[in-house]
């Protein structure tokens, strides 16, 4: 059930204010879910993909007997790559699939979580899942009228299958520390998996 407040126009306005005008957009509709759009923002240095539709309704606590149609966390997803290194536009549909996860699988997407596609993020990509990062940069939270929770724009950091397994065993912060120690740039679409031993 969608909130009576028109959330998505406000979300798109916030995305445009933070990232500029999108240069492409695609929409995907999954059975039993609302339409999810993915907007692409390219500035010559980076290419960013942002979902639009996930925040139309709050994410429901899977333990709740009845979902609250107004209260609950709201989010959209952001994926950023260095421009020109690889053809990453194949990520549009997989990103929409990830945005539909709260409805399809009944989970709350939050920082530190991992989302697994089970297939490459785009054809030929070494990444099959993503780590959910902390919100706030480059798109700040969007406050909504009470009693609605703000919309948070959650960055996604691609992970290889080995990194995913390592994160599952050691935790998100341990993987982030590993990336930092080895100078890994999660925005590099051609990067190799970080060494996980030694």
Protein backbone atom coordinates (compact mmCIF):
# COMPACT_ATOMS: atom_id res chain seq x y z
CA UNK A 1 0.00 0.00 0.00
CA UNK A 2 1.45 3.36 -1.03
CA UNK A 3 1.59 6.34 1.29
CA UNK A 4 -0.92 9.15 0.57
CA UNK A 5 2.07 11.51 0.29
CA UNK A 6 3.50 11.46 -3.26
CA UNK A 7 6.97 10.33 -2.25
CA UNK A 8 8.51 9.49 -5.63
CA UNK A 9 8.33 12.97 -7.21
CA UNK A 10 10.14 14.30 -4.13
CA UNK A 11 12.74 11.55 -4.43
CA UNK A 12 13.37 12.31 -8.09
CA UNK A 13 13.68 16.00 -7.26
CA UNK A 14 16.31 15.19 -4.60
CA UNK A 15 18.24 12.98 -7.05
CA UNK A 16 18.26 15.73 -9.69
CA UNK A 17 19.35 18.34 -7.14
CA UNK A 18 22.28 16.17 -6.03
CA UNK A 19 23.32 14.50 -9.29
CA UNK A 20 22.02 16.70 -12.11
CA UNK A 21 19.79 15.65 -14.99
CA UNK A 22 19.63 11.93 -15.78
CA UNK A 23 20.83 11.05 -19.27
CA UNK A 24 18.92 7.76 -19.44
CA UNK A 25 16.23 5.87 -17.56
CA UNK A 26 14.63 2.45 -17.71
CA UNK A 27 11.68 0.92 -15.90
CA UNK A 28 11.05 -2.63 -14.76
CA UNK A 29 7.85 -4.10 -13.34
CA UNK A 30 7.89 -7.36 -11.41
CA UNK A 31 4.83 -9.48 -10.72
CA UNK A 32 3.16 -8.28 -7.52
CA UNK A 33 5.32 -5.16 -7.16
CA UNK A 34 5.19 -1.52 -8.17
CA UNK A 35 7.26 -0.32 -11.11
CA UNK A 36 10.91 0.45 -10.36
CA UNK A 37 12.79 2.93 -12.53
CA UNK A 38 16.56 3.19 -12.76
CA UNK A 39 18.03 6.58 -13.65
CA UNK A 40 21.55 7.02 -15.02
CA UNK A 41 23.60 10.13 -14.25
CA UNK A 42 26.90 10.55 -16.11
CA UNK A 43 29.30 13.47 -15.70
CA UNK A 44 32.30 12.20 -17.65
CA UNK A 45 34.14 11.11 -14.50
CA UNK A 46 31.58 8.80 -12.93
CA UNK A 47 28.41 7.09 -14.00
CA UNK A 48 25.78 6.68 -11.31
CA UNK A 49 22.67 4.53 -11.36
CA UNK A 50 19.84 5.37 -8.94
CA UNK A 51 16.63 3.48 -8.33
CA UNK A 52 13.31 5.30 -8.20
CA UNK A 53 10.34 3.39 -6.80
CA UNK A 54 11.70 1.42 -3.86
CA UNK A 55 10.82 4.25 -1.45
CA UNK A 56 7.19 4.50 -2.53
CA UNK A 57 6.26 2.33 0.43
CA UNK A 58 8.14 1.66 3.69
CA UNK A 59 10.10 -1.54 4.11
CA UNK A 60 8.20 -3.81 6.47
CA UNK A 61 9.78 -5.59 9.41
CA UNK A 62 9.59 -9.27 8.42
CA UNK A 63 8.60 -10.10 12.02
CA UNK A 64 5.61 -7.72 11.97
CA UNK A 65 2.19 -9.33 11.73
CA UNK A 66 0.71 -6.37 9.84
CA UNK A 67 2.78 -3.95 7.78
CA UNK A 68 2.37 -0.27 8.63
CA UNK A 69 1.49 1.59 5.40
CA UNK A 70 3.16 4.81 6.59
CA UNK A 71 5.88 4.13 9.16
CA UNK A 72 9.05 2.23 8.44
CA UNK A 73 12.39 2.76 6.72
CA UNK A 74 12.42 3.97 3.12
CA UNK A 75 15.36 3.80 0.75
CA UNK A 76 16.60 4.02 -2.80
CA UNK A 77 19.79 2.41 -4.11
CA UNK A 78 22.82 4.08 -5.71
CA UNK A 79 25.56 2.37 -7.71
CA UNK A 80 28.61 4.38 -8.83
CA UNK A 81 31.38 3.47 -11.29
CA UNK A 82 34.29 5.24 -12.91
CA UNK A 83 33.11 6.31 -16.34
CA UNK A 84 34.44 4.69 -19.49
CA UNK A 85 36.14 1.69 -17.90
CA UNK A 86 33.43 -0.84 -18.80
CA UNK A 87 29.96 -1.01 -20.30
CA UNK A 88 27.99 -1.15 -17.07
CA UNK A 89 24.55 -0.30 -18.49
CA UNK A 90 23.63 -3.98 -18.23
CA UNK A 91 23.22 -3.31 -14.50
CA UNK A 92 19.85 -1.58 -15.01
CA UNK A 93 17.63 -4.64 -14.62
CA UNK A 94 19.72 -6.31 -11.86
CA UNK A 95 19.60 -3.04 -9.90
CA UNK A 96 15.82 -2.96 -10.25
CA UNK A 97 15.74 -6.56 -9.00
CA UNK A 98 17.69 -5.51 -5.90
CA UNK A 99 15.31 -2.59 -5.34
CA UNK A 100 12.38 -5.02 -5.37
CA UNK A 101 14.00 -7.20 -2.69
CA UNK A 102 12.06 -5.68 0.26
CA UNK A 103 8.72 -6.51 -1.38
CA UNK A 104 9.67 -9.83 -2.96
CA UNK A 105 11.71 -11.27 -0.08
CA UNK A 106 10.30 -9.30 2.86
CA UNK A 107 13.64 -7.91 4.02
CA UNK A 108 14.72 -4.49 5.26
CA UNK A 109 17.71 -3.22 3.30
CA UNK A 110 20.12 -1.39 5.62
CA UNK A 111 23.81 -0.44 5.79
CA UNK A 112 26.06 -3.45 6.32
CA UNK A 113 23.67 -5.87 4.61
CA UNK A 114 24.57 -7.77 1.48
CA UNK A 115 22.26 -8.43 -1.44
CA UNK A 116 23.05 -11.40 -3.67
CA UNK A 117 21.88 -11.64 -7.27
CA UNK A 118 23.33 -15.07 -7.96
CA UNK A 119 24.44 -13.83 -11.39
CA UNK A 120 26.77 -11.12 -12.70
CA UNK A 121 25.72 -7.51 -12.09
CA UNK A 122 26.12 -7.02 -15.84
CA UNK A 123 27.32 -9.40 -18.60
CA UNK A 124 30.91 -10.38 -17.90
CA UNK A 125 31.09 -8.62 -14.52
CA UNK A 126 33.09 -10.37 -11.76
CA UNK A 127 30.53 -9.19 -9.17
CA UNK A 128 27.40 -11.12 -8.19
CA UNK A 129 26.37 -9.27 -5.05
CA UNK A 130 26.64 -5.89 -3.34
CA UNK A 131 27.45 -4.57 0.11
CA UNK A 132 25.08 -1.84 1.30
CA UNK A 133 27.03 1.23 2.39
CA UNK A 134 26.25 4.19 4.63
CA UNK A 135 23.88 6.85 3.25
CA UNK A 136 24.43 10.60 3.00
CA UNK A 137 26.97 10.97 0.19
CA UNK A 138 26.47 12.07 -2.54
CA UNK A 139 22.70 12.24 -1.98
CA UNK A 140 21.55 13.39 1.48
CA UNK A 141 18.53 11.88 3.21
CA UNK A 142 15.16 13.23 2.16
CA UNK A 143 12.92 14.23 5.07
CA UNK A 144 9.22 13.49 4.60
CA UNK A 145 6.18 14.84 6.47
CA UNK A 146 5.46 13.08 9.79
CA UNK A 147 4.83 10.27 10.48
CA UNK A 148 6.80 9.10 7.44
CA UNK A 149 10.44 8.10 7.87
CA UNK A 150 13.02 9.88 5.69
CA UNK A 151 14.20 8.36 2.43
CA UNK A 152 17.82 7.23 2.63
CA UNK A 153 19.94 6.85 -0.49
CA UNK A 154 22.04 3.74 0.07
CA UNK A 155 25.26 3.28 -1.92
CA UNK A 156 25.96 -0.24 -3.17
CA UNK A 157 29.51 -1.63 -3.31
CA UNK A 158 29.94 -4.57 -5.72
CA UNK A 159 31.45 -7.77 -4.31
CA UNK A 160 32.92 -10.87 -5.94
CA UNK A 161 31.59 -14.25 -4.78
CA UNK A 162 34.72 -14.78 -2.62
CA UNK A 163 34.35 -11.35 -1.04
CA UNK A 164 30.69 -12.10 -0.35
CA UNK A 165 31.56 -15.32 1.46
CA UNK A 166 34.34 -13.57 3.40
CA UNK A 167 31.99 -10.75 4.40
CA UNK A 168 29.41 -13.30 5.56
CA UNK A 169 32.02 -14.93 7.80
CA UNK A 170 33.87 -11.82 9.05
CA UNK A 171 31.38 -8.97 8.73
CA UNK A 172 31.00 -5.84 6.62
CA UNK A 173 33.56 -3.73 8.46
CA UNK A 174 36.22 -6.42 8.13
CA UNK A 175 35.72 -6.46 4.36
CA UNK A 176 35.82 -2.67 4.19
CA UNK A 177 39.08 -2.70 6.17
CA UNK A 178 40.48 -5.28 3.75
CA UNK A 179 39.56 -3.05 0.82
CA UNK A 180 41.20 -0.05 2.48
CA UNK A 181 44.37 -1.98 3.30
CA UNK A 182 44.75 -3.06 -0.33
CA UNK A 183 43.74 0.25 -1.89
CA UNK A 184 40.63 -1.17 -3.53
CA UNK A 185 38.38 1.32 -5.30
CA UNK A 186 34.84 -0.16 -5.20
CA UNK A 187 33.90 2.18 -8.06
CA UNK A 188 36.31 0.41 -10.43
CA UNK A 189 34.18 -1.92 -12.58
CA UNK A 190 37.28 -3.82 -13.72
CA UNK A 191 38.85 -4.41 -10.32
CA UNK A 192 39.92 -7.84 -9.20
CA UNK A 193 38.75 -9.35 -5.93
CA UNK A 194 40.76 -8.28 -2.90
CA UNK A 195 43.24 -10.86 -1.50
CA UNK A 196 41.51 -12.58 1.41
CA UNK A 197 44.37 -14.51 2.95
CA UNK A 198 47.52 -13.41 4.69
